[in-house]
């Protein structure tokens, strides 16, 4: 698959810096690989597609398209390092309120990329299991079908688990978890009083979109924004955070490795 071409001045700048970047990146990767631990579940908030496009003098939609191709690169980096779980937040419930033309382009992009990923040999060779987390109910039928087809095509795989958070909001996820729990208990004949008396934190967790996966131990957000914006609110109680100034399409492997090095240098005490 071929990514869109960057403007000439960006390609020229990249060519000039490539030897130094290669040397530094190689040294950094050796340090990261030699350290004692890597995250087992990385959450990524993919922010800054529009700002990247604006800064480069591109059309807004091209920024989103480049952002989609960047996600493939990051998936490959995680496969190389043996990171077993990734959650990519590509489209939030709030994003649905953007300009209609932009939303239409994003949905078309998601449908197209899902159709390509079904036939991507990298997905099948590495047995990547892809799961959609979020509310797809009000998506156009063709978009929803492509996304669910991709999920079904990989549901039997036992390699890296890739959660694609699309139509996702953290508060909405918690509300849906409670609804699922209420429906299940009602089907068992339990009363609200009985549910209230027995309800535990684990009950909520077992009904989240990410049930069965470890909570993210590391969350990265690009574009310089320093907030979660509702991403994995329940699961992120003890996550480590890293906020990177670069916009998502410009996120390089060296930026990713710097983030991992930062994670490895932290002392995680979990409130103890």
Protein backbone atom coordinates (compact mmCIF):
# COMPACT_ATOMS: atom_id res chain seq x y z
CA UNK A 1 0.00 0.00 0.00
CA UNK A 2 1.39 3.40 -0.96
CA UNK A 3 1.12 6.43 1.32
CA UNK A 4 0.32 9.87 -0.16
CA UNK A 5 3.39 11.87 -1.14
CA UNK A 6 4.54 14.66 1.12
CA UNK A 7 5.38 18.13 -0.24
CA UNK A 8 8.85 18.43 -1.78
CA UNK A 9 10.26 20.61 1.02
CA UNK A 10 9.23 18.04 3.64
CA UNK A 11 10.79 15.19 1.66
CA UNK A 12 14.01 17.17 1.19
CA UNK A 13 14.25 17.95 4.90
CA UNK A 14 13.73 14.28 5.69
CA UNK A 15 16.46 13.18 3.31
CA UNK A 16 18.93 15.65 4.84
CA UNK A 17 18.35 14.44 8.39
CA UNK A 18 18.06 10.71 7.62
CA UNK A 19 21.67 9.59 8.38
CA UNK A 20 21.72 11.29 11.81
CA UNK A 21 18.22 10.04 12.56
CA UNK A 22 19.25 6.49 11.62
CA UNK A 23 22.30 6.53 13.90
CA UNK A 24 20.46 8.04 16.86
CA UNK A 25 17.42 5.85 16.35
CA UNK A 26 19.50 2.68 16.24
CA UNK A 27 21.28 3.55 19.48
CA UNK A 28 18.00 4.41 21.17
CA UNK A 29 16.34 1.19 20.03
CA UNK A 30 19.20 -0.87 21.44
CA UNK A 31 18.73 0.83 24.81
CA UNK A 32 14.99 0.23 24.79
CA UNK A 33 15.39 -3.43 23.82
CA UNK A 34 18.04 -4.03 26.48
CA UNK A 35 15.91 -2.59 29.30
CA UNK A 36 14.06 -4.89 31.64
CA UNK A 37 10.47 -4.08 30.67
CA UNK A 38 8.21 -2.87 27.91
CA UNK A 39 4.54 -1.87 28.17
CA UNK A 40 2.13 -4.77 27.77
CA UNK A 41 -0.69 -2.54 26.57
CA UNK A 42 -0.13 0.82 24.88
CA UNK A 43 -2.99 3.25 24.34
CA UNK A 44 -2.47 5.83 21.60
CA UNK A 45 -4.50 9.02 21.17
CA UNK A 46 -3.91 9.92 17.53
CA UNK A 47 -4.14 13.70 17.60
CA UNK A 48 -3.00 16.43 15.23
CA UNK A 49 -3.90 15.27 11.70
CA UNK A 50 -5.53 18.59 10.82
CA UNK A 51 -2.76 20.67 12.37
CA UNK A 52 -0.14 18.67 10.49
CA UNK A 53 -1.94 19.29 7.20
CA UNK A 54 -2.39 22.99 7.92
CA UNK A 55 1.29 23.46 8.84
CA UNK A 56 2.39 21.65 5.65
CA UNK A 57 -0.01 23.57 3.40
CA UNK A 58 -2.02 20.43 2.61
CA UNK A 59 -5.73 19.83 2.32
CA UNK A 60 -7.24 18.82 5.65
CA UNK A 61 -8.35 15.41 4.40
CA UNK A 62 -4.83 14.52 3.32
CA UNK A 63 -3.75 14.95 6.94
CA UNK A 64 -6.26 12.28 7.96
CA UNK A 65 -5.10 9.97 5.17
CA UNK A 66 -1.47 10.34 6.24
CA UNK A 67 -2.54 9.69 9.81
CA UNK A 68 -4.11 6.39 8.77
CA UNK A 69 -0.85 5.29 7.14
CA UNK A 70 1.08 6.29 10.26
CA UNK A 71 -1.02 3.82 12.25
CA UNK A 72 0.36 0.98 10.09
CA UNK A 73 3.91 2.09 10.90
CA UNK A 74 3.25 2.13 14.63
CA UNK A 75 1.68 -1.32 14.43
CA UNK A 76 4.85 -2.60 12.78
CA UNK A 77 7.02 -1.01 15.49
CA UNK A 78 4.99 -2.74 18.19
CA UNK A 79 5.22 -6.06 16.37
CA UNK A 80 9.00 -5.68 16.12
CA UNK A 81 9.27 -5.04 19.87
CA UNK A 82 6.82 -7.74 20.91
CA UNK A 83 4.24 -5.46 22.54
CA UNK A 84 1.10 -7.63 22.85
CA UNK A 85 -1.77 -5.10 23.11
CA UNK A 86 -2.44 -1.74 21.44
CA UNK A 87 -5.49 0.49 21.53
CA UNK A 88 -5.67 3.20 18.86
CA UNK A 89 -8.25 5.96 19.34
CA UNK A 90 -9.11 7.00 15.81
CA UNK A 91 -12.58 8.58 16.12
CA UNK A 92 -14.40 9.77 19.22
CA UNK A 93 -18.08 10.27 19.93
CA UNK A 94 -17.35 14.01 19.97
CA UNK A 95 -15.74 13.83 16.51
CA UNK A 96 -19.17 12.99 15.09
CA UNK A 97 -20.06 16.66 15.57
CA UNK A 98 -17.37 17.94 13.19
CA UNK A 99 -18.01 19.37 9.73
CA UNK A 100 -20.15 16.93 7.74
CA UNK A 101 -17.66 16.76 4.87
CA UNK A 102 -14.80 15.93 7.21
CA UNK A 103 -16.82 13.24 8.99
CA UNK A 104 -17.84 11.72 5.65
CA UNK A 105 -14.19 11.58 4.55
CA UNK A 106 -13.14 9.96 7.82
CA UNK A 107 -15.83 7.30 7.62
CA UNK A 108 -14.93 6.57 4.00
CA UNK A 109 -11.27 6.35 5.01
CA UNK A 110 -12.03 3.91 7.84
CA UNK A 111 -14.13 1.72 5.55
CA UNK A 112 -11.44 1.68 2.87
CA UNK A 113 -8.61 0.89 5.27
CA UNK A 114 -10.62 -1.90 6.90
CA UNK A 115 -11.22 -3.47 3.48
CA UNK A 116 -7.48 -3.32 2.73
CA UNK A 117 -6.45 -4.70 6.12
CA UNK A 118 -8.51 -7.86 5.57
CA UNK A 119 -6.05 -8.75 2.78
CA UNK A 120 -2.90 -7.30 4.36
CA UNK A 121 -0.34 -10.15 4.64
CA UNK A 122 1.25 -8.47 7.69
CA UNK A 123 -1.97 -8.91 9.64
CA UNK A 124 -2.25 -12.60 8.81
CA UNK A 125 1.44 -13.45 9.07
CA UNK A 126 1.58 -11.98 12.59
CA UNK A 127 -1.88 -13.29 13.55
CA UNK A 128 -2.99 -9.83 14.64
CA UNK A 129 -6.42 -9.89 16.23
CA UNK A 130 -8.35 -6.68 15.51
CA UNK A 131 -11.27 -5.61 17.67
CA UNK A 132 -13.54 -2.59 17.25
CA UNK A 133 -14.37 -0.86 20.51
CA UNK A 134 -17.01 1.85 20.52
CA UNK A 135 -20.52 2.42 19.26
CA UNK A 136 -20.89 1.76 15.53
CA UNK A 137 -24.69 1.74 15.48
CA UNK A 138 -25.18 5.09 13.74
CA UNK A 139 -22.39 4.57 11.19
CA UNK A 140 -23.43 4.07 7.55
CA UNK A 141 -24.16 0.41 6.85
CA UNK A 142 -21.24 -0.02 4.44
CA UNK A 143 -18.75 1.45 6.90
CA UNK A 144 -20.02 -0.64 9.79
CA UNK A 145 -19.98 -3.79 7.66
CA UNK A 146 -16.35 -3.30 6.60
CA UNK A 147 -15.24 -2.72 10.17
CA UNK A 148 -17.07 -5.78 11.46
CA UNK A 149 -15.82 -7.90 8.55
CA UNK A 150 -12.25 -7.05 9.55
CA UNK A 151 -12.98 -7.97 13.16
CA UNK A 152 -14.50 -11.30 12.14
CA UNK A 153 -11.61 -12.07 9.75
CA UNK A 154 -9.11 -11.95 12.62
CA UNK A 155 -11.18 -13.15 15.58
CA UNK A 156 -9.42 -16.52 15.72
CA UNK A 157 -5.90 -15.08 15.82
CA UNK A 158 -3.67 -15.28 18.91
CA UNK A 159 -1.01 -12.66 18.17
CA UNK A 160 -0.93 -8.97 19.00
CA UNK A 161 -4.37 -7.60 19.91
CA UNK A 162 -5.21 -4.32 18.19
CA UNK A 163 -8.21 -2.47 19.59
CA UNK A 164 -9.49 0.23 17.26
CA UNK A 165 -11.46 2.75 19.31
CA UNK A 166 -13.94 4.19 16.83
CA UNK A 167 -17.14 5.98 17.77
CA UNK A 168 -15.61 5.73 21.24
CA UNK A 169 -16.04 7.76 24.40
CA UNK A 170 -14.88 6.75 27.88
CA UNK A 171 -18.01 7.90 29.69
CA UNK A 172 -20.19 6.19 27.11
CA UNK A 173 -18.21 2.98 27.59
CA UNK A 174 -18.78 2.99 31.35
CA UNK A 175 -22.49 3.71 30.87
CA UNK A 176 -22.75 0.83 28.40
CA UNK A 177 -20.94 -1.46 30.84
CA UNK A 178 -23.55 -0.69 33.50
CA UNK A 179 -26.36 -1.28 31.01
CA UNK A 180 -24.91 -4.66 30.06
CA UNK A 181 -24.60 -5.60 33.72
CA UNK A 182 -28.17 -4.54 34.49
CA UNK A 183 -29.53 -6.53 31.55
CA UNK A 184 -27.56 -9.64 32.56
CA UNK A 185 -28.71 -9.46 36.19
CA UNK A 186 -32.30 -8.84 35.14
CA UNK A 187 -32.16 -11.94 32.95
CA UNK A 188 -31.06 -13.90 36.02
CA UNK A 189 -34.05 -12.57 37.95
CA UNK A 190 -32.02 -10.41 40.36
CA UNK A 191 -33.55 -7.26 41.80
CA UNK A 192 -31.92 -3.82 41.77
CA UNK A 193 -31.38 -4.14 45.50
CA UNK A 194 -29.56 -7.42 45.08
CA UNK A 195 -27.42 -5.96 42.31
CA UNK A 196 -26.55 -2.91 44.43
CA UNK A 197 -25.56 -5.12 47.33
CA UNK A 198 -23.28 -7.34 45.25
CA UNK A 199 -21.84 -4.86 42.70
CA UNK A 200 -18.03 -4.81 42.51
CA UNK A 201 -15.37 -3.00 40.52
CA UNK A 202 -14.67 -6.26 38.70
CA UNK A 203 -18.31 -6.44 37.58
CA UNK A 204 -17.92 -3.11 35.78
CA UNK A 205 -14.58 -4.12 34.27
CA UNK A 206 -15.96 -7.41 32.98
CA UNK A 207 -18.52 -5.54 30.88
CA UNK A 208 -16.25 -2.92 29.31
CA UNK A 209 -15.37 -3.00 25.61
CA UNK A 210 -11.85 -4.12 26.58
CA UNK A 211 -12.93 -6.95 28.88
CA UNK A 212 -10.32 -9.69 28.96
CA UNK A 213 -7.42 -7.42 28.05
CA UNK A 214 -4.93 -5.98 30.56
CA UNK A 215 -5.45 -2.35 31.46
CA UNK A 216 -3.14 -0.04 29.48
CA UNK A 217 0.09 0.52 31.36
CA UNK A 218 1.19 3.31 29.00
CA UNK A 219 -0.80 5.96 27.13
CA UNK A 220 0.72 8.26 24.50
CA UNK A 221 -0.96 11.36 23.10
CA UNK A 222 0.47 13.30 20.19
CA UNK A 223 0.05 16.99 19.16
CA UNK A 224 1.03 18.59 22.46
CA UNK A 225 -2.40 18.41 24.07
CA UNK A 226 -2.11 17.40 27.73
CA UNK A 227 -5.40 15.66 28.52
CA UNK A 228 -7.11 12.29 28.08
CA UNK A 229 -10.34 13.65 26.59
CA UNK A 230 -12.20 10.60 27.89
CA UNK A 231 -9.85 7.89 26.60
CA UNK A 232 -10.12 4.58 28.52
CA UNK A 233 -11.24 6.43 31.65
CA UNK A 234 -11.90 3.33 33.71
CA UNK A 235 -8.91 1.33 32.50
CA UNK A 236 -6.37 4.16 32.81
CA UNK A 237 -6.50 4.48 36.62
CA UNK A 238 -2.83 3.47 36.96
CA UNK A 239 -1.56 4.11 33.46
CA UNK A 240 1.60 6.08 32.83
CA UNK A 241 1.12 9.02 30.43
CA UNK A 242 3.36 10.55 27.80
CA UNK A 243 2.47 13.70 25.86
CA UNK A 244 4.40 14.29 22.65
CA UNK A 245 4.45 17.67 20.88
CA UNK A 246 4.63 16.24 17.36
CA UNK A 247 1.40 15.92 15.38
CA UNK A 248 0.31 12.35 14.63
CA UNK A 249 1.30 12.05 10.93
CA UNK A 250 4.79 13.30 11.85
CA UNK A 251 5.23 10.83 14.72
CA UNK A 252 8.52 9.05 14.04
CA UNK A 253 9.95 5.82 15.34
CA UNK A 254 12.46 7.82 17.34
CA UNK A 255 9.57 9.64 19.04
CA UNK A 256 8.02 6.28 19.88
CA UNK A 257 11.31 4.97 21.27
CA UNK A 258 11.78 8.10 23.39
CA UNK A 259 8.33 7.52 24.85
CA UNK A 260 9.18 3.90 25.66
CA UNK A 261 12.45 4.94 27.27
CA UNK A 262 10.52 7.39 29.45
CA UNK A 263 8.19 4.58 30.51
CA UNK A 264 11.13 2.32 31.36
CA UNK A 265 12.67 5.00 33.57
CA UNK A 266 9.58 5.38 35.76
CA UNK A 267 9.01 3.74 39.12
CA UNK A 268 5.45 2.37 39.05
CA UNK A 269 4.15 2.03 42.65
CA UNK A 270 0.40 1.65 42.04
CA UNK A 271 -0.44 3.79 45.07
CA UNK A 272 1.77 1.78 47.44
